[in-house]
N, C-alpha and C. Protein backbone atom coordinates (compact mmCIF):
# COMPACT_ATOMS: atom_id res chain seq x y z
N MET A 1 19.17 69.82 -31.88
CA MET A 1 18.64 71.80 -31.74
C MET A 1 17.74 71.75 -30.58
N ARG A 2 16.69 70.68 -30.51
CA ARG A 2 16.07 70.71 -29.13
C ARG A 2 16.20 70.17 -28.37
N ALA A 3 17.02 69.32 -28.24
CA ALA A 3 17.02 68.38 -27.41
C ALA A 3 18.08 68.86 -26.58
N PRO A 4 19.03 69.76 -26.78
CA PRO A 4 19.55 70.94 -25.66
C PRO A 4 18.93 72.04 -25.06
N VAL A 5 17.18 72.08 -25.75
CA VAL A 5 16.36 73.50 -24.79
C VAL A 5 15.96 72.39 -24.00
N ILE A 6 15.68 71.22 -24.40
CA ILE A 6 14.86 70.27 -23.48
C ILE A 6 15.69 69.81 -22.82
N ALA A 7 16.35 69.59 -22.62
CA ALA A 7 17.46 69.12 -21.24
C ALA A 7 17.69 70.40 -20.34
N ALA A 8 18.09 71.40 -21.43
CA ALA A 8 18.19 72.70 -19.77
C ALA A 8 17.09 72.88 -19.00
N LEU A 9 15.79 72.65 -20.11
CA LEU A 9 14.70 73.29 -19.31
C LEU A 9 14.46 71.99 -18.02
N LEU A 10 14.45 70.93 -18.19
CA LEU A 10 14.60 69.73 -17.15
C LEU A 10 15.60 70.00 -16.11
N SER A 11 16.53 70.30 -16.28
CA SER A 11 17.75 70.39 -15.25
C SER A 11 17.27 71.90 -14.34
N LEU A 12 16.62 72.86 -14.80
CA LEU A 12 15.62 74.07 -14.72
C LEU A 12 14.34 73.61 -13.37
N LEU A 13 13.95 73.07 -13.81
CA LEU A 13 12.64 72.03 -13.29
C LEU A 13 13.19 71.50 -12.65
N ALA A 14 14.30 71.22 -11.97
CA ALA A 14 15.03 69.40 -11.03
C ALA A 14 15.15 70.85 -10.30
N ALA A 15 15.63 71.77 -10.77
CA ALA A 15 16.53 72.48 -9.54
C ALA A 15 15.89 73.74 -8.14
N CYS A 16 14.10 73.85 -9.12
CA CYS A 16 13.44 74.10 -8.31
C CYS A 16 12.95 73.30 -6.96
N GLY A 17 12.92 72.14 -7.22
CA GLY A 17 12.69 71.51 -6.34
C GLY A 17 11.19 71.10 -5.63
N GLY A 18 10.91 70.38 -4.92
CA GLY A 18 9.58 70.25 -4.85
C GLY A 18 9.49 70.67 -3.21
N ALA A 19 8.22 70.24 -2.82
CA ALA A 19 7.44 70.18 -1.24
C ALA A 19 8.71 69.90 -0.58
N PRO A 20 9.24 70.61 0.65
CA PRO A 20 10.53 70.44 1.34
C PRO A 20 9.85 69.27 2.80
N VAL A 21 10.04 68.26 2.34
CA VAL A 21 9.21 67.23 2.81
C VAL A 21 9.97 66.59 4.53
N GLN A 22 11.20 66.88 3.63
CA GLN A 22 12.16 66.74 5.06
C GLN A 22 12.30 67.79 6.22
N GLN A 23 12.80 68.80 5.36
CA GLN A 23 12.57 70.01 6.61
C GLN A 23 11.33 70.29 7.05
N MET A 24 9.87 70.04 7.09
CA MET A 24 8.69 70.14 7.61
C MET A 24 9.06 68.68 9.03
N SER A 25 9.79 67.68 8.61
CA SER A 25 9.40 66.66 9.37
C SER A 25 10.71 66.67 10.08
N ASP A 26 11.60 67.28 10.08
CA ASP A 26 12.89 67.99 11.24
C ASP A 26 11.95 69.05 12.16
N ALA A 27 11.61 69.88 11.32
CA ALA A 27 10.89 70.79 12.14
C ALA A 27 9.72 70.59 12.82
N ARG A 28 8.97 69.67 12.76
CA ARG A 28 8.05 68.84 13.68
C ARG A 28 8.94 68.26 14.67
N GLN A 29 10.03 67.34 14.19
CA GLN A 29 10.26 66.32 15.17
C GLN A 29 11.89 67.29 16.27
N ALA A 30 11.60 68.45 15.71
CA ALA A 30 12.41 69.30 16.99
C ALA A 30 11.09 70.09 18.05
N VAL A 31 10.45 70.21 17.29
CA VAL A 31 8.81 71.20 18.48
C VAL A 31 8.66 69.59 19.28
N ARG A 32 8.14 68.39 18.37
CA ARG A 32 8.43 67.83 19.57
C ARG A 32 9.16 67.42 20.67
N ALA A 33 10.39 67.83 19.89
CA ALA A 33 11.40 67.24 21.50
C ALA A 33 11.75 68.14 22.26
N ALA A 34 11.46 69.75 21.76
CA ALA A 34 11.46 70.64 22.61
C ALA A 34 10.19 70.40 23.82
N GLN A 35 8.85 69.91 23.25
CA GLN A 35 7.96 69.76 24.36
C GLN A 35 8.16 68.93 25.36
N ALA A 36 8.68 67.70 24.83
CA ALA A 36 8.97 66.44 25.80
C ALA A 36 10.08 66.99 27.01
N ALA A 37 11.00 67.98 26.18
CA ALA A 37 12.04 68.64 27.07
C ALA A 37 11.34 69.70 28.39
N GLY A 38 9.82 70.39 27.91
CA GLY A 38 9.43 70.97 29.55
C GLY A 38 9.23 72.64 28.58
N ALA A 39 9.42 72.47 26.89
CA ALA A 39 9.77 73.79 26.54
C ALA A 39 7.82 74.75 27.40
N GLY A 40 7.24 74.20 26.72
CA GLY A 40 6.07 74.93 27.46
C GLY A 40 6.42 75.53 28.53
N GLU A 41 7.05 75.09 29.61
CA GLU A 41 7.52 75.64 30.61
C GLU A 41 8.65 77.24 30.75
N TYR A 42 9.58 75.91 30.18
CA TYR A 42 10.99 77.11 30.38
C TYR A 42 11.38 77.88 29.31
N ALA A 43 10.48 77.62 27.66
CA ALA A 43 11.01 78.27 26.59
C ALA A 43 9.21 78.39 26.26
N PRO A 44 8.05 79.58 26.97
CA PRO A 44 7.01 79.03 25.52
C PRO A 44 6.70 79.60 24.87
N GLU A 45 7.32 81.00 25.00
CA GLU A 45 7.69 81.79 23.59
C GLU A 45 8.75 81.39 22.42
N GLN A 46 9.53 80.80 22.86
CA GLN A 46 9.99 80.01 21.42
C GLN A 46 9.69 78.98 20.87
N LEU A 47 8.60 78.32 21.87
CA LEU A 47 8.08 76.79 21.35
C LEU A 47 6.83 77.70 20.26
N ALA A 48 6.12 78.43 20.93
CA ALA A 48 4.73 78.67 19.94
C ALA A 48 5.01 79.83 18.91
N GLN A 49 6.73 80.04 18.77
CA GLN A 49 7.67 81.06 17.33
C GLN A 49 7.42 79.62 16.43
N ALA A 50 8.30 78.29 16.82
CA ALA A 50 8.41 77.59 16.52
C ALA A 50 6.98 76.83 15.74
N GLN A 51 5.65 76.55 16.43
CA GLN A 51 4.40 76.27 16.07
C GLN A 51 4.35 76.91 14.87
N ARG A 52 4.37 78.88 15.42
CA ARG A 52 3.79 79.41 14.46
C ARG A 52 4.27 79.62 13.45
N LEU A 53 5.53 79.18 12.78
CA LEU A 53 6.83 78.96 11.61
C LEU A 53 5.97 77.77 11.33
N ILE A 54 5.87 76.79 11.84
CA ILE A 54 5.17 75.43 10.76
C ILE A 54 4.07 75.86 10.60
N GLU A 55 3.35 76.43 10.96
CA GLU A 55 1.82 77.04 10.55
C GLU A 55 1.95 77.39 9.03
N GLU A 56 2.96 78.41 9.31
CA GLU A 56 3.21 79.43 8.08
C GLU A 56 3.86 78.50 6.79
N ALA A 57 4.45 77.59 7.23
CA ALA A 57 5.51 76.91 6.27
C ALA A 57 4.17 75.43 5.67
N GLN A 58 2.96 75.28 6.26
CA GLN A 58 2.35 74.69 5.45
C GLN A 58 1.13 75.17 5.22
N ASP A 59 1.32 76.76 4.91
CA ASP A 59 0.63 77.55 4.44
C ASP A 59 1.10 77.79 3.25
N GLY A 60 2.15 77.72 3.26
CA GLY A 60 3.27 78.06 2.40
C GLY A 60 3.04 76.59 1.40
N LEU A 61 3.05 75.22 1.88
CA LEU A 61 2.84 73.76 1.19
C LEU A 61 1.34 74.45 0.48
N ARG A 62 0.46 74.89 1.12
CA ARG A 62 -0.79 74.55 0.66
C ARG A 62 -0.57 75.73 -1.09
N ARG A 63 0.14 76.64 -0.69
CA ARG A 63 0.43 77.53 -2.07
C ARG A 63 1.13 77.42 -2.94
N HIS A 64 1.75 76.17 -2.46
CA HIS A 64 2.48 75.53 -3.48
C HIS A 64 3.92 76.68 -3.41
N ASP A 65 4.09 77.59 -2.73
CA ASP A 65 5.39 78.14 -3.25
C ASP A 65 6.14 77.42 -1.87
N TYR A 66 6.79 76.39 -2.03
CA TYR A 66 7.40 75.67 -1.49
C TYR A 66 9.39 76.79 -0.92
N ARG A 67 9.74 77.52 -1.83
CA ARG A 67 10.50 78.16 -0.94
C ARG A 67 10.29 78.89 0.31
N SER A 68 9.48 79.50 0.46
CA SER A 68 8.86 80.25 1.61
C SER A 68 8.74 79.02 3.12
N ALA A 69 7.68 77.61 1.92
CA ALA A 69 7.50 76.93 3.01
C ALA A 69 8.69 76.44 3.69
N GLU A 70 10.01 75.79 2.69
CA GLU A 70 10.96 75.24 3.15
C GLU A 70 11.77 76.28 4.07
N SER A 71 11.82 77.74 4.28
CA SER A 71 12.30 78.88 4.76
C SER A 71 11.48 78.72 5.94
N ALA A 72 10.39 78.71 6.41
CA ALA A 72 9.73 78.61 7.41
C ALA A 72 9.79 77.39 8.27
N ALA A 73 10.16 76.03 7.58
CA ALA A 73 10.47 75.30 8.15
C ALA A 73 11.47 75.01 9.08
N VAL A 74 12.14 75.76 8.02
CA VAL A 74 14.02 75.44 8.98
C VAL A 74 14.28 76.44 9.98
N GLU A 75 13.12 77.38 10.10
CA GLU A 75 13.32 78.83 11.26
C GLU A 75 12.68 78.10 12.26
N ALA A 76 11.52 77.06 12.01
CA ALA A 76 10.63 77.01 12.91
C ALA A 76 11.57 75.77 13.75
N ARG A 77 12.65 75.06 13.32
CA ARG A 77 13.22 73.94 13.30
C ARG A 77 14.40 74.53 14.37
N ARG A 78 14.75 75.55 13.70
CA ARG A 78 16.04 76.42 14.23
C ARG A 78 15.61 76.44 15.88
N THR A 79 14.24 77.66 15.81
CA THR A 79 13.88 77.82 17.25
C THR A 79 13.74 76.86 17.98
N ALA A 80 12.94 75.52 17.49
CA ALA A 80 12.59 74.94 18.39
C ALA A 80 13.81 74.36 18.87
N LEU A 81 14.73 73.91 18.79
CA LEU A 81 15.99 73.94 18.78
C LEU A 81 17.03 74.34 20.01
N GLN A 82 16.25 75.84 19.82
CA GLN A 82 16.41 76.70 20.47
C GLN A 82 15.81 76.39 22.25
N ALA A 83 14.34 76.24 21.68
CA ALA A 83 13.84 76.54 23.38
C ALA A 83 14.05 74.76 23.80
N LEU A 84 14.23 73.76 22.88
CA LEU A 84 15.15 72.57 23.74
C LEU A 84 16.04 72.78 24.73
N GLU A 85 17.15 73.68 24.01
CA GLU A 85 18.55 73.94 24.98
C GLU A 85 18.52 74.65 25.78
N VAL A 86 16.94 75.84 25.72
CA VAL A 86 16.82 76.32 27.15
C VAL A 86 16.08 75.38 28.07
N SER A 87 15.74 74.47 27.84
CA SER A 87 14.65 73.84 28.71
C SER A 87 15.65 72.99 29.06
N ARG A 88 16.19 71.86 28.76
CA ARG A 88 17.52 71.17 29.33
C ARG A 88 18.27 71.88 29.88
N SER A 89 18.55 73.09 29.65
CA SER A 89 19.69 73.89 30.41
C SER A 89 18.83 74.27 31.74
N ALA A 90 17.69 74.12 31.91
CA ALA A 90 16.81 75.24 32.70
C ALA A 90 16.44 74.03 33.60
N ARG A 91 16.04 72.57 33.13
CA ARG A 91 16.18 71.63 34.23
C ARG A 91 17.09 71.08 34.51
N ALA A 92 18.50 71.04 34.22
CA ALA A 92 19.58 70.69 34.52
C ALA A 92 20.04 71.90 35.85
N ALA A 93 19.44 73.11 35.60
CA ALA A 93 20.31 73.95 36.91
C ALA A 93 20.11 73.28 37.80
N PRO A 94 20.50 74.04 39.31
CA PRO A 94 20.21 73.34 40.36
C PRO A 94 19.26 73.96 40.76
N PRO A 95 18.20 73.87 41.87
CA PRO A 95 17.06 73.98 42.21
C PRO A 95 17.29 75.88 42.87
N PRO A 96 16.94 77.13 42.84
CA PRO A 96 16.90 78.63 43.41
C PRO A 96 17.48 77.91 45.27
N ASP A 97 18.11 78.59 45.37
CA ASP A 97 18.20 77.98 47.02
C ASP A 97 17.24 79.02 47.94
N ARG A 98 16.72 78.98 48.66
CA ARG A 98 15.19 79.15 49.73
C ARG A 98 15.58 79.02 51.03
N THR A 99 16.53 79.61 51.43
CA THR A 99 17.56 79.68 52.91
C THR A 99 16.61 81.44 52.95
């Protein structure tokens, strides 16, 4: 009788998951890529928001609130990728005509 209960508890604990290591790494890489593409110039608000979200995720990690840390890290990556796309588009656009 105890074995099924213990097995159920172990599977429940495993489902809770641990720290969102991969999501944090993905978010940091996306921010670095955006920075390298010139997001500081072309998408500064989005870049700053992505950096704030990474800080929020790190706070979640410190509190062992892995669900909120993961959510913030995923959002940071999404925002950084938007900044990257804006930067790439801006750099690829022809310069304005100054005639």
